[in-house]
Amino acid sequence: MNLKQIRIGKALSVPALSRLSGVPIRTIENVERSGECKVSTAIKLADALGVTLDELCKINKAGE
């Protein structure tokens, strides 16, 4: 999942993304660490970041 890279690329902190998405800070931290989340959470994060689910969930070539 590309959450951390996209968030940093948009100059957003975890608390700022939490406010925009309505997803708790702890959940965002867990998603960034594990790369996994519920579809409903992924939709909220993608909407807040202005990206598609495909862009958010795509696994990069390094396998991260």
N, C-alpha and C. Protein backbone atom coordinates (compact mmCIF):
# COMPACT_ATOMS: atom_id res chain seq x y z
N MET A 1 0.85 -1.19 0.00
CA MET A 1 0.00 0.00 0.00
C MET A 1 0.89 1.24 0.00
N ASN A 2 0.49 2.23 -0.76
CA ASN A 2 1.28 3.45 -0.94
C ASN A 2 0.84 4.60 -0.04
N LEU A 3 0.15 4.32 1.03
CA LEU A 3 -0.41 5.38 1.86
C LEU A 3 0.64 6.38 2.34
N LYS A 4 1.70 5.90 2.94
CA LYS A 4 2.70 6.80 3.50
C LYS A 4 3.35 7.66 2.42
N GLN A 5 3.70 7.04 1.28
CA GLN A 5 4.34 7.78 0.20
C GLN A 5 3.40 8.86 -0.35
N ILE A 6 2.13 8.52 -0.54
CA ILE A 6 1.17 9.49 -1.06
C ILE A 6 0.96 10.60 -0.04
N ARG A 7 0.80 10.24 1.23
CA ARG A 7 0.59 11.24 2.29
C ARG A 7 1.75 12.21 2.35
N ILE A 8 2.96 11.69 2.34
CA ILE A 8 4.15 12.55 2.41
C ILE A 8 4.26 13.41 1.15
N GLY A 9 3.95 12.83 -0.01
CA GLY A 9 3.98 13.56 -1.26
C GLY A 9 3.01 14.73 -1.30
N LYS A 10 1.94 14.63 -0.53
CA LYS A 10 0.96 15.72 -0.45
C LYS A 10 1.21 16.61 0.76
N ALA A 11 2.34 16.42 1.41
CA ALA A 11 2.75 17.23 2.57
C ALA A 11 1.72 17.21 3.69
N LEU A 12 1.17 16.02 3.94
CA LEU A 12 0.19 15.88 5.02
C LEU A 12 0.80 15.09 6.17
N SER A 13 0.54 15.54 7.38
CA SER A 13 0.93 14.77 8.56
C SER A 13 -0.15 13.73 8.81
N VAL A 14 0.15 12.77 9.66
CA VAL A 14 -0.86 11.77 10.03
C VAL A 14 -2.07 12.44 10.68
N PRO A 15 -1.88 13.37 11.63
CA PRO A 15 -3.06 14.04 12.21
C PRO A 15 -3.88 14.82 11.17
N ALA A 16 -3.21 15.44 10.20
CA ALA A 16 -3.94 16.18 9.16
C ALA A 16 -4.77 15.23 8.31
N LEU A 17 -4.19 14.09 7.93
CA LEU A 17 -4.94 13.10 7.15
C LEU A 17 -6.10 12.54 7.96
N SER A 18 -5.88 12.37 9.24
CA SER A 18 -6.95 11.90 10.12
C SER A 18 -8.12 12.87 10.11
N ARG A 19 -7.84 14.15 10.21
CA ARG A 19 -8.90 15.16 10.18
C ARG A 19 -9.63 15.16 8.84
N LEU A 20 -8.89 15.06 7.74
CA LEU A 20 -9.50 15.08 6.41
C LEU A 20 -10.34 13.84 6.12
N SER A 21 -9.90 12.70 6.62
CA SER A 21 -10.53 11.43 6.27
C SER A 21 -11.54 10.93 7.29
N GLY A 22 -11.40 11.37 8.54
CA GLY A 22 -12.24 10.84 9.60
C GLY A 22 -11.75 9.50 10.12
N VAL A 23 -10.54 9.10 9.70
CA VAL A 23 -9.94 7.84 10.15
C VAL A 23 -9.04 8.17 11.34
N PRO A 24 -9.15 7.42 12.43
CA PRO A 24 -8.32 7.71 13.62
C PRO A 24 -6.82 7.65 13.31
N ILE A 25 -6.06 8.47 14.02
CA ILE A 25 -4.61 8.52 13.85
C ILE A 25 -4.00 7.13 14.02
N ARG A 26 -4.38 6.43 15.05
CA ARG A 26 -3.82 5.10 15.32
C ARG A 26 -4.08 4.15 14.15
N THR A 27 -5.25 4.24 13.55
CA THR A 27 -5.57 3.38 12.41
C THR A 27 -4.67 3.71 11.23
N ILE A 28 -4.45 4.98 10.96
CA ILE A 28 -3.56 5.38 9.86
C ILE A 28 -2.15 4.86 10.11
N GLU A 29 -1.68 5.01 11.34
CA GLU A 29 -0.35 4.51 11.68
C GLU A 29 -0.26 3.00 11.46
N ASN A 30 -1.31 2.28 11.85
CA ASN A 30 -1.32 0.83 11.68
C ASN A 30 -1.34 0.45 10.20
N VAL A 31 -2.11 1.17 9.40
CA VAL A 31 -2.19 0.89 7.96
C VAL A 31 -0.83 1.15 7.32
N GLU A 32 -0.19 2.25 7.69
CA GLU A 32 1.13 2.55 7.12
C GLU A 32 2.15 1.47 7.51
N ARG A 33 2.03 0.94 8.70
CA ARG A 33 2.98 -0.07 9.17
C ARG A 33 2.70 -1.44 8.53
N SER A 34 1.43 -1.84 8.49
CA SER A 34 1.10 -3.19 8.02
C SER A 34 0.78 -3.26 6.54
N GLY A 35 0.32 -2.14 5.97
CA GLY A 35 -0.08 -2.14 4.57
C GLY A 35 -1.44 -2.77 4.33
N GLU A 36 -2.20 -2.98 5.38
CA GLU A 36 -3.51 -3.61 5.26
C GLU A 36 -4.56 -2.80 6.01
N CYS A 37 -5.79 -2.83 5.45
CA CYS A 37 -6.91 -2.18 6.13
C CYS A 37 -8.22 -2.65 5.51
N LYS A 38 -9.31 -2.28 6.16
CA LYS A 38 -10.64 -2.58 5.63
C LYS A 38 -10.85 -1.75 4.35
N VAL A 39 -11.69 -2.26 3.48
CA VAL A 39 -12.01 -1.53 2.25
C VAL A 39 -12.64 -0.18 2.59
N SER A 40 -13.51 -0.14 3.58
CA SER A 40 -14.16 1.11 3.95
C SER A 40 -13.15 2.16 4.41
N THR A 41 -12.11 1.73 5.10
CA THR A 41 -11.05 2.65 5.53
C THR A 41 -10.25 3.12 4.34
N ALA A 42 -9.93 2.21 3.43
CA ALA A 42 -9.17 2.56 2.23
C ALA A 42 -9.93 3.59 1.39
N ILE A 43 -11.24 3.44 1.29
CA ILE A 43 -12.05 4.39 0.53
C ILE A 43 -11.98 5.78 1.16
N LYS A 44 -12.10 5.86 2.46
CA LYS A 44 -12.02 7.16 3.15
C LYS A 44 -10.65 7.80 2.93
N LEU A 45 -9.60 7.01 3.03
CA LEU A 45 -8.24 7.54 2.86
C LEU A 45 -8.01 7.99 1.42
N ALA A 46 -8.44 7.18 0.46
CA ALA A 46 -8.27 7.54 -0.95
C ALA A 46 -9.03 8.82 -1.27
N ASP A 47 -10.26 8.94 -0.78
CA ASP A 47 -11.05 10.15 -1.02
C ASP A 47 -10.36 11.38 -0.43
N ALA A 48 -9.86 11.25 0.79
CA ALA A 48 -9.21 12.38 1.46
C ALA A 48 -7.93 12.78 0.73
N LEU A 49 -7.23 11.81 0.14
CA LEU A 49 -5.97 12.09 -0.55
C LEU A 49 -6.18 12.47 -2.01
N GLY A 50 -7.40 12.30 -2.51
CA GLY A 50 -7.68 12.62 -3.90
C GLY A 50 -7.05 11.65 -4.88
N VAL A 51 -6.99 10.37 -4.50
CA VAL A 51 -6.43 9.33 -5.37
C VAL A 51 -7.45 8.21 -5.50
N THR A 52 -7.23 7.34 -6.47
CA THR A 52 -8.10 6.18 -6.63
C THR A 52 -7.68 5.08 -5.66
N LEU A 53 -8.58 4.14 -5.45
CA LEU A 53 -8.23 2.98 -4.62
C LEU A 53 -7.07 2.22 -5.24
N ASP A 54 -7.05 2.14 -6.56
CA ASP A 54 -5.96 1.44 -7.24
C ASP A 54 -4.62 2.10 -6.94
N GLU A 55 -4.58 3.43 -7.00
CA GLU A 55 -3.33 4.14 -6.70
C GLU A 55 -2.91 3.93 -5.25
N LEU A 56 -3.88 3.96 -4.36
CA LEU A 56 -3.58 3.80 -2.93
C LEU A 56 -3.11 2.38 -2.62
N CYS A 57 -3.77 1.40 -3.19
CA CYS A 57 -3.51 0.01 -2.81
C CYS A 57 -2.47 -0.70 -3.67
N LYS A 58 -2.05 -0.08 -4.73
CA LYS A 58 -1.10 -0.72 -5.64
C LYS A 58 0.19 -1.07 -4.90
N ILE A 59 0.68 -2.26 -5.15
CA ILE A 59 1.96 -2.68 -4.56
C ILE A 59 3.07 -2.29 -5.51
N ASN A 60 4.06 -1.57 -4.98
CA ASN A 60 5.14 -1.13 -5.85
C ASN A 60 6.08 -2.28 -6.17
N LYS A 61 7.02 -2.05 -7.08
CA LYS A 61 7.91 -3.11 -7.55
C LYS A 61 8.82 -3.65 -6.47
N ALA A 62 9.06 -2.87 -5.43
CA ALA A 62 9.91 -3.33 -4.33
C ALA A 62 9.14 -4.30 -3.43
N GLY A 63 7.84 -4.42 -3.68
CA GLY A 63 7.03 -5.34 -2.89
C GLY A 63 6.56 -4.78 -1.57
N GLU A 64 6.62 -3.47 -1.42
CA GLU A 64 6.20 -2.85 -0.16
C GLU A 64 4.74 -2.52 -0.19
